[in-house]
Protein backbone atom coordinates (compact mmCIF):
# COMPACT_ATOMS: atom_id res chain seq x y z
CA UNK A 1 0.00 0.00 0.00
CA UNK A 2 1.50 3.25 -1.17
CA UNK A 3 0.06 5.64 1.42
CA UNK A 4 1.46 5.61 4.89
CA UNK A 5 -0.77 4.43 7.67
CA UNK A 6 -0.25 7.68 9.54
CA UNK A 7 -1.58 9.69 6.58
CA UNK A 8 -4.67 7.51 6.39
CA UNK A 9 -5.27 7.91 10.09
CA UNK A 10 -5.35 11.67 9.70
CA UNK A 11 -7.86 11.37 6.84
CA UNK A 12 -10.15 8.66 8.21
CA UNK A 13 -9.71 9.18 11.93
CA UNK A 14 -10.04 5.42 12.03
CA UNK A 15 -7.63 2.63 12.63
CA UNK A 16 -6.99 -0.73 11.38
CA UNK A 17 -8.49 -4.10 11.30
CA UNK A 18 -9.82 -7.26 9.92
CA UNK A 19 -11.92 -9.29 12.33
CA UNK A 20 -10.40 -12.12 14.23
CA UNK A 21 -11.16 -14.44 17.06
CA UNK A 22 -11.86 -13.43 20.59
CA UNK A 23 -10.40 -16.49 22.31
CA UNK A 24 -12.68 -17.05 25.23
CA UNK A 25 -11.62 -18.10 28.69
CA UNK A 26 -13.82 -20.37 30.76
CA UNK A 27 -17.00 -18.80 32.02
CA UNK A 28 -17.18 -17.93 35.69
CA UNK A 29 -20.29 -17.63 37.77
CA UNK A 30 -19.87 -13.92 38.56
CA UNK A 31 -18.72 -12.54 35.20
CA UNK A 32 -20.70 -11.97 32.04
CA UNK A 33 -19.77 -13.38 28.65
CA UNK A 34 -19.66 -10.98 25.66
CA UNK A 35 -22.94 -12.40 24.29
CA UNK A 36 -24.59 -11.59 27.65
CA UNK A 37 -23.32 -8.02 27.35
CA UNK A 38 -24.78 -7.86 23.84
CA UNK A 39 -28.19 -8.84 25.22
CA UNK A 40 -27.78 -6.13 27.86
CA UNK A 41 -27.33 -3.47 25.17
CA UNK A 42 -29.86 -4.83 22.66
CA UNK A 43 -32.76 -3.43 24.65
CA UNK A 44 -31.57 0.17 24.25
CA UNK A 45 -31.56 0.83 20.51
CA UNK A 46 -30.95 4.31 19.21
CA UNK A 47 -31.61 5.86 15.81
CA UNK A 48 -28.35 7.79 16.11
CA UNK A 49 -25.50 6.21 14.18
CA UNK A 50 -22.52 5.49 16.42
CA UNK A 51 -19.38 7.53 15.89
CA UNK A 52 -16.09 5.73 15.28
CA UNK A 53 -13.08 7.03 17.18
CA UNK A 54 -9.50 5.93 17.71
CA UNK A 55 -8.59 4.75 21.20
CA UNK A 56 -6.82 7.37 23.31
CA UNK A 57 -5.50 5.99 26.64
CA UNK A 58 -6.37 8.95 28.88
CA UNK A 59 -9.85 9.40 27.44
CA UNK A 60 -11.14 5.94 26.66
CA UNK A 61 -9.60 3.38 29.00
CA UNK A 62 -12.14 4.00 31.80
CA UNK A 63 -14.88 3.04 29.31
CA UNK A 64 -13.07 -0.17 28.37
CA UNK A 65 -12.40 -1.00 32.00
CA UNK A 66 -16.04 -0.59 33.01
CA UNK A 67 -17.31 -2.72 30.13
CA UNK A 68 -14.74 -5.49 29.81
CA UNK A 69 -14.05 -5.97 33.48
CA UNK A 70 -17.48 -7.62 33.53
CA UNK A 71 -16.71 -9.99 30.66
CA UNK A 72 -14.90 -13.26 31.25
CA UNK A 73 -14.79 -13.75 27.46
CA UNK A 74 -12.19 -11.08 26.73
CA UNK A 75 -11.00 -9.24 29.80
CA UNK A 76 -7.75 -8.29 28.00
CA UNK A 77 -9.40 -4.99 27.03
CA UNK A 78 -9.84 -4.30 30.73
CA UNK A 79 -6.08 -4.49 31.40
CA UNK A 80 -4.59 -0.99 31.25
CA UNK A 81 -0.92 -1.91 30.76
CA UNK A 82 -1.72 -4.27 27.89
CA UNK A 83 -4.15 -1.95 26.08
CA UNK A 84 -1.90 1.08 26.39
CA UNK A 85 1.14 -0.87 25.14
CA UNK A 86 -0.50 -2.74 22.27
CA UNK A 87 -2.97 -0.13 21.06
CA UNK A 88 -1.49 3.09 22.39
CA UNK A 89 2.29 2.90 22.03
CA UNK A 90 2.64 2.72 18.24
CA UNK A 91 -0.39 3.83 16.28
CA UNK A 92 1.40 3.36 12.98
CA UNK A 93 1.51 -0.37 13.77
CA UNK A 94 -1.62 -1.05 15.80
CA UNK A 95 -4.79 0.75 16.84
CA UNK A 96 -8.14 0.13 18.45
CA UNK A 97 -11.36 1.54 16.99
CA UNK A 98 -14.23 2.28 19.35
CA UNK A 99 -17.89 2.69 18.38
CA UNK A 100 -19.48 5.33 20.60
CA UNK A 101 -23.20 6.00 20.92
CA UNK A 102 -23.31 9.17 22.94
CA UNK A 103 -21.07 8.44 25.90
CA UNK A 104 -21.65 4.67 25.71
CA UNK A 105 -19.12 2.24 24.22
CA UNK A 106 -21.06 -0.13 21.94
CA UNK A 107 -18.34 -1.87 19.91
CA UNK A 108 -14.61 -2.37 19.36
CA UNK A 109 -12.27 -3.60 16.66
CA UNK A 110 -8.51 -3.54 16.74
CA UNK A 111 -5.85 -4.64 14.31
CA UNK A 112 -2.14 -4.80 13.88
CA UNK A 113 -0.40 -3.89 10.63
CA UNK A 114 1.37 -7.08 9.51
CA UNK A 115 3.59 -7.49 6.47
CA UNK A 116 3.93 -10.49 4.19
CA UNK A 117 6.55 -11.05 1.51
CA UNK A 118 6.47 -13.18 -1.65
CA UNK A 119 9.43 -15.17 -2.96
CA UNK A 120 9.86 -12.44 -5.61
CA UNK A 121 10.46 -9.81 -2.92
CA UNK A 122 7.07 -8.07 -3.10
CA UNK A 123 5.77 -6.93 0.29
CA UNK A 124 2.18 -6.17 1.22
CA UNK A 125 0.63 -4.93 4.43
CA UNK A 126 -2.73 -6.00 5.82
CA UNK A 127 -4.60 -5.63 9.09
CA UNK A 128 -4.50 -8.55 11.51
CA UNK A 129 -7.59 -8.11 13.63
CA UNK A 130 -8.61 -8.97 17.15
CA UNK A 131 -10.97 -7.81 19.90
CA UNK A 132 -13.88 -7.41 17.47
CA UNK A 133 -17.05 -6.89 19.51
CA UNK A 134 -20.42 -5.43 18.66
CA UNK A 135 -23.00 -4.91 21.41
CA UNK A 136 -25.64 -3.19 19.25
CA UNK A 137 -27.01 -4.59 15.96
CA UNK A 138 -25.30 -3.08 12.93
CA UNK A 139 -22.30 -1.70 14.79
CA UNK A 140 -20.02 -4.57 13.77
CA UNK A 141 -20.52 -3.92 10.06
CA UNK A 142 -19.89 -0.21 10.56
CA UNK A 143 -16.67 -0.90 12.46
CA UNK A 144 -15.50 -3.32 9.79
CA UNK A 145 -16.26 -0.78 7.05
CA UNK A 146 -14.23 1.95 8.74
CA UNK A 147 -11.35 -0.42 9.46
CA UNK A 148 -11.28 -1.54 5.83
CA UNK A 149 -10.75 2.06 4.70
CA UNK A 150 -7.27 2.00 6.18
CA UNK A 151 -5.82 -1.20 4.75
CA UNK A 152 -8.15 -2.32 1.99
CA UNK A 153 -7.28 -5.83 3.09
CA UNK A 154 -6.66 -8.00 6.09
CA UNK A 155 -5.76 -11.38 7.48
CA UNK A 156 -8.16 -13.34 9.66
CA UNK A 157 -6.65 -16.17 11.70
CA UNK A 158 -8.66 -18.23 14.16
CA UNK A 159 -11.76 -16.07 13.68
CA UNK A 160 -14.97 -16.67 15.60
CA UNK A 161 -18.01 -17.74 13.51
CA UNK A 162 -19.52 -14.23 13.41
CA UNK A 163 -16.26 -12.79 12.07
CA UNK A 164 -15.94 -15.63 9.57
CA UNK A 165 -19.37 -14.75 8.19
CA UNK A 166 -18.27 -11.17 7.42
CA UNK A 167 -15.04 -12.35 5.82
CA UNK A 168 -16.76 -14.97 3.66
CA UNK A 169 -19.32 -12.47 2.39
CA UNK A 170 -16.45 -10.28 1.21
CA UNK A 171 -14.92 -13.20 -0.73
CA UNK A 172 -11.58 -13.30 1.02
CA UNK A 173 -9.16 -16.04 0.01
CA UNK A 174 -9.58 -18.93 2.45
CA UNK A 175 -6.98 -21.56 3.28
CA UNK A 176 -8.35 -24.72 4.82
CA UNK A 177 -5.10 -26.52 5.57
CA UNK A 178 -3.67 -24.74 8.63
CA UNK A 179 -3.86 -26.88 11.78
CA UNK A 180 -2.90 -26.42 15.40
CA UNK A 181 -0.52 -28.91 17.01
CA UNK A 182 -0.25 -29.29 20.77
CA UNK A 183 1.33 -31.21 23.63
CA UNK A 184 -0.15 -31.17 27.14
CA UNK A 185 -3.24 -29.25 25.98
CA UNK A 186 -4.83 -27.19 28.73
CA UNK A 187 -8.02 -28.67 30.10
CA UNK A 188 -11.04 -26.42 30.31
CA UNK A 189 -14.78 -26.45 29.80
CA UNK A 190 -16.95 -23.94 27.96
CA UNK A 191 -19.75 -24.61 30.46
CA UNK A 192 -20.05 -24.33 34.21
CA UNK A 193 -19.77 -27.89 35.52
CA UNK A 194 -19.78 -29.77 38.85
CA UNK A 195 -16.54 -29.64 40.79
CA UNK A 196 -16.03 -33.40 40.60
CA UNK A 197 -16.15 -33.34 36.81
CA UNK A 198 -13.63 -30.51 36.60
CA UNK A 199 -11.36 -32.36 39.04
CA UNK A 200 -11.62 -35.58 36.99
CA UNK A 201 -10.77 -33.73 33.79
CA UNK A 202 -7.78 -32.07 35.46
CA UNK A 203 -6.55 -35.42 36.83
CA UNK A 204 -6.77 -37.05 33.39
CA UNK A 205 -4.79 -34.20 31.83
CA UNK A 206 -2.15 -34.53 34.56
CA UNK A 207 -1.75 -38.29 34.07
CA UNK A 208 -1.32 -37.93 30.29
CA UNK A 209 1.09 -35.01 30.33
CA UNK A 210 4.50 -35.19 28.63
CA UNK A 211 7.79 -34.01 30.13
CA UNK A 212 9.03 -31.40 27.63
CA UNK A 213 12.65 -32.19 28.50
CA UNK A 214 12.23 -35.34 26.35
CA UNK A 215 10.82 -33.44 23.37
CA UNK A 216 14.06 -33.02 21.41
CA UNK A 217 15.01 -36.69 21.75
CA UNK A 218 11.50 -37.77 20.77
CA UNK A 219 11.68 -35.57 17.68
CA UNK A 220 15.06 -37.05 16.71
CA UNK A 221 13.72 -40.59 17.20
CA UNK A 222 10.75 -39.73 14.96
CA UNK A 223 13.09 -38.64 12.18
CA UNK A 224 13.34 -34.85 12.45
CA UNK A 225 16.79 -33.41 11.72
CA UNK A 226 18.63 -32.06 14.80
CA UNK A 227 19.64 -28.41 15.05
CA UNK A 228 21.20 -25.99 17.51
CA UNK A 229 19.53 -22.94 19.00
CA UNK A 230 20.89 -19.88 20.74
CA UNK A 231 18.81 -17.53 22.84
CA UNK A 232 18.85 -13.92 21.69
CA UNK A 233 18.98 -10.93 24.02
CA UNK A 234 18.03 -8.61 21.15
CA UNK A 235 16.96 -8.88 17.52
CA UNK A 236 20.05 -8.31 15.35
CA UNK A 237 20.05 -6.73 11.91
CA UNK A 238 19.60 -9.46 9.29
CA UNK A 239 17.81 -11.88 11.62
CA UNK A 240 15.14 -12.66 9.02
CA UNK A 241 16.23 -14.82 6.03
CA UNK A 242 16.26 -12.90 2.75
CA UNK A 243 15.31 -15.93 0.66
CA UNK A 244 13.20 -18.93 1.58
CA UNK A 245 11.54 -21.77 -0.30
CA UNK A 246 8.05 -20.48 0.60
CA UNK A 247 5.95 -18.80 -2.07
CA UNK A 248 4.94 -16.22 0.54
CA UNK A 249 5.40 -15.75 4.27
CA UNK A 250 4.81 -13.47 7.21
CA UNK A 251 7.89 -11.23 7.42
CA UNK A 252 7.69 -8.24 9.78
CA UNK A 253 10.37 -5.58 9.69
CA UNK A 254 13.10 -5.46 12.33
CA UNK A 255 11.42 -2.44 13.94
CA UNK A 256 8.12 -4.29 14.07
CA UNK A 257 9.72 -7.33 15.68
CA UNK A 258 11.28 -5.19 18.39
CA UNK A 259 7.95 -3.50 19.14
CA UNK A 260 5.59 -6.48 18.84
CA UNK A 261 7.76 -9.17 20.49
CA UNK A 262 9.83 -7.26 23.07
CA UNK A 263 12.48 -9.30 24.84
CA UNK A 264 12.13 -7.09 27.91
CA UNK A 265 9.37 -8.45 30.13
CA UNK A 266 6.04 -6.62 30.00
CA UNK A 267 2.37 -7.64 29.86
CA UNK A 268 3.50 -10.51 27.62
CA UNK A 269 6.81 -12.37 27.76
CA UNK A 270 8.75 -13.48 24.72
CA UNK A 271 11.93 -15.49 24.20
CA UNK A 272 13.71 -15.52 20.83
CA UNK A 273 16.07 -18.21 19.52
CA UNK A 274 18.34 -18.24 16.49
CA UNK A 275 18.39 -21.68 14.85
CA UNK A 276 21.48 -23.17 13.17
CA UNK A 277 22.82 -26.45 11.86
CA UNK A 278 26.56 -26.99 11.45
CA UNK A 279 27.10 -23.22 11.35
CA UNK A 280 24.36 -22.61 8.79
CA UNK A 281 21.66 -20.18 9.90
CA UNK A 282 18.24 -21.76 9.43
CA UNK A 283 16.06 -18.96 10.81
CA UNK A 284 14.62 -17.98 14.18
CA UNK A 285 11.72 -18.71 16.54
CA UNK A 286 9.90 -16.47 19.01
CA UNK A 287 8.06 -18.13 21.90
CA UNK A 288 5.30 -16.49 23.92
CA UNK A 289 5.04 -17.88 27.43
CA UNK A 290 3.36 -17.62 30.79
CA UNK A 291 3.13 -20.15 33.62
CA UNK A 292 1.62 -23.33 32.25
CA UNK A 293 1.83 -22.65 28.52
CA UNK A 294 4.16 -21.73 25.68
CA UNK A 295 3.16 -20.80 22.13
CA UNK A 296 5.25 -20.45 18.97
CA UNK A 297 4.32 -16.82 18.33
CA UNK A 298 6.52 -16.33 15.26
CA UNK A 299 8.58 -18.73 13.13
CA UNK A 300 10.74 -17.69 10.16
CA UNK A 301 12.90 -20.40 8.56
CA UNK A 302 14.48 -20.92 5.15
CA UNK A 303 13.16 -24.45 4.49
CA UNK A 304 9.85 -26.08 5.29
CA UNK A 305 11.65 -29.18 6.59
CA UNK A 306 13.27 -27.09 9.34
CA UNK A 307 10.05 -25.52 10.65
CA UNK A 308 9.19 -28.22 13.21
CA UNK A 309 12.80 -28.89 14.34
CA UNK A 310 13.27 -25.15 14.90
CA UNK A 311 10.15 -24.97 17.08
CA UNK A 312 10.93 -28.19 18.99
CA UNK A 313 14.55 -27.31 19.80
CA UNK A 314 13.61 -23.75 20.79
CA UNK A 315 11.07 -25.16 23.25
CA UNK A 316 13.70 -27.60 24.54
CA UNK A 317 16.12 -24.71 25.16
CA UNK A 318 13.37 -22.75 26.91
CA UNK A 319 12.57 -25.71 29.19
CA UNK A 320 16.26 -26.03 30.15
CA UNK A 321 16.05 -22.47 31.50
CA UNK A 322 12.63 -23.01 33.10
CA UNK A 323 12.61 -26.58 34.43
CA UNK A 324 9.50 -25.89 36.50
CA UNK A 325 7.65 -25.54 33.18
CA UNK A 326 8.50 -29.07 32.01
CA UNK A 327 4.80 -30.00 31.84
CA UNK A 328 3.63 -26.79 30.20
CA UNK A 329 1.10 -26.78 27.38
CA UNK A 330 2.69 -26.29 23.94
CA UNK A 331 0.94 -24.99 20.81
CA UNK A 332 1.94 -23.98 17.31
CA UNK A 333 0.25 -23.72 13.91
CA UNK A 334 1.42 -25.21 10.62
CA UNK A 335 0.18 -25.71 7.10
CA UNK A 336 -0.65 -29.38 6.56
CA UNK A 337 2.22 -31.31 5.02
CA UNK A 338 4.38 -34.40 5.07
CA UNK A 339 5.42 -33.85 8.72
CA UNK A 340 2.09 -35.00 10.13
CA UNK A 341 3.12 -38.61 10.78
CA UNK A 342 6.42 -37.55 12.39
CA UNK A 343 4.66 -35.01 14.61
CA UNK A 344 2.27 -37.68 15.86
CA UNK A 345 5.23 -39.96 16.62
CA UNK A 346 6.85 -37.12 18.56
CA UNK A 347 3.79 -36.87 20.78
CA UNK A 348 1.96 -33.88 19.33
CA UNK A 349 -1.79 -33.89 18.81
CA UNK A 350 -3.38 -32.41 15.73
CA UNK A 351 -6.53 -30.29 16.01
CA UNK A 352 -9.63 -32.04 14.70
CA UNK A 353 -10.51 -29.12 12.42
CA UNK A 354 -8.35 -26.61 10.54
CA UNK A 355 -7.92 -23.14 11.98
CA UNK A 356 -9.84 -20.54 9.99
CA UNK A 357 -7.36 -18.53 7.94
CA UNK A 358 -8.21 -16.04 5.18
CA UNK A 359 -6.52 -13.12 3.40
CA UNK A 360 -8.04 -10.43 1.25
CA UNK A 361 -9.44 -8.76 -0.63
CA UNK A 362 -7.39 -7.32 -3.50
CA UNK A 363 -8.32 -3.64 -3.69
CA UNK A 364 -6.76 -0.30 -4.59
CA UNK A 365 -3.06 -0.35 -3.77
CA UNK A 366 -3.26 -4.05 -2.96
CA UNK A 367 -1.79 -5.82 -5.97
CA UNK A 368 -0.25 -9.04 -4.65
CA UNK A 369 -2.13 -12.10 -5.82
CA UNK A 370 -2.49 -14.80 -3.15
CA UNK A 371 -2.82 -18.36 -4.51
CA UNK A 372 -6.37 -19.53 -3.84
CA UNK A 373 -5.34 -23.18 -3.67
CA UNK A 374 -2.98 -22.87 -0.74
CA UNK A 375 0.50 -23.11 -2.17
CA UNK A 376 3.64 -23.44 -0.10
CA UNK A 377 3.31 -20.60 2.39
CA UNK A 378 4.60 -19.90 5.90
CA UNK A 379 1.99 -18.27 8.11
CA UNK A 380 4.63 -18.09 10.82
CA UNK A 381 2.56 -15.89 13.12
CA UNK A 382 1.05 -18.61 15.27
CA UNK A 383 -1.43 -17.58 17.91
CA UNK A 384 -1.49 -13.85 18.63
CA UNK A 385 -2.06 -14.80 22.29
CA UNK A 386 -3.44 -11.46 23.42
CA UNK A 387 -5.49 -12.94 26.24
CA UNK A 388 -5.62 -12.79 29.99
CA UNK A 389 -4.11 -13.56 32.39
CA UNK A 390 -1.18 -11.25 31.72
CA UNK A 391 2.03 -11.50 33.71
CA UNK A 392 1.09 -8.85 36.25
CA UNK A 393 -2.04 -10.88 37.03
CA UNK A 394 -0.06 -14.12 37.24
CA UNK A 395 2.55 -12.65 39.59
CA UNK A 396 -0.12 -11.12 41.80
CA UNK A 397 -2.13 -14.35 42.03
CA UNK A 398 0.74 -16.87 41.74
CA UNK A 399 -0.11 -20.10 43.60
CA UNK A 400 2.11 -21.38 46.40
CA UNK A 401 5.08 -23.47 45.21
CA UNK A 402 5.23 -27.16 46.00
CA UNK A 403 7.34 -27.76 49.07
CA UNK A 404 9.03 -30.88 47.71
CA UNK A 405 9.58 -30.25 44.00
CA UNK A 406 9.38 -26.49 43.59
CA UNK A 407 6.89 -26.87 40.74
CA UNK A 408 4.23 -24.18 40.50
CA UNK A 409 0.76 -25.67 40.17
CA UNK A 410 -1.42 -23.58 37.84
CA UNK A 411 -5.15 -24.37 37.87
CA UNK A 412 -5.98 -25.94 34.49
CA UNK A 413 -9.22 -24.04 34.16
CA UNK A 414 -7.54 -20.64 34.47
CA UNK A 415 -5.31 -20.61 31.41
CA UNK A 416 -6.19 -21.36 27.85
């Protein structure tokens, strides 16, 4: 896109986004889910069209806090340090749009500017959306329309059904072959259930868990090529491979990496690893982690065959530094390929359904053609993992350590 995002912001007074999933945490008895909040607002319709404004920390956070502190489904918008960092610290990269009806907040949509690159060197920027909520009929479409003015295109990964409906109506290019792989998946229930059933589910998950310290050896036994990893204290110039075998891939700039995946601890914690084999640089992996879970947040490698080994050995290095996390839940996303059988032998579980993933549409200033039949691409961005609990919540509410083993027990129903 030829125009700068900052210029468009001054023209539209809107900010970015394509709709994406609101990954819901388990429901609690005293908090409302977003659909309950929608019912709360549906009784107070107004003929006045809502105004769309860009989030300003000093003005709008109290509105977010009042609304989303009630909602167990996406309380991340009620966390000041996260919202002000992600949506307020770099508006050229990420913004949050608010729909206001008078002084009431009736909808939100946020998105991050993400860049992809083809194997011919062409780069294109789209909006990667999240926190898309509409509490009054018609507001969601209006938010989406304003967000689309900025980018003319977007990427939707892991979208909720309502967001998928909007994307499909706009004829975005869908890819049905991206799956999630996991080890030690977190156990939770979408419904309130008796305590005995929750305890039984937690016990089953505990008995079946895998010690992540064995992951690298299991991967080698399954047939994956070994590699070496080195933890990075900063992102060096040239960290991203210039050429890969992928037809297109997610490739953020160095400045974007440093902003989006900071290696200094904040609301989210990231660890980055450079991956090599016999002195040859294969790429790098960024892990997002919190007690009880680790996610491959970004993966950029030269060859498809090195994608899984890079992730596995980065996790192994992370576990060496954090032995208490040896039974953590692990997740990463990957386009379906020949590695499936080897991943199953390693101990990973494949999701039963593909993760919704779509890109589009091609509009003014958006000239890169995305193959509609999949092709050999590297999504690389994994789970955006912008959900509670954040680290400040974890540290405040951290459970007591085991007296004998030092392992921190995290309730399985808390994290997802």
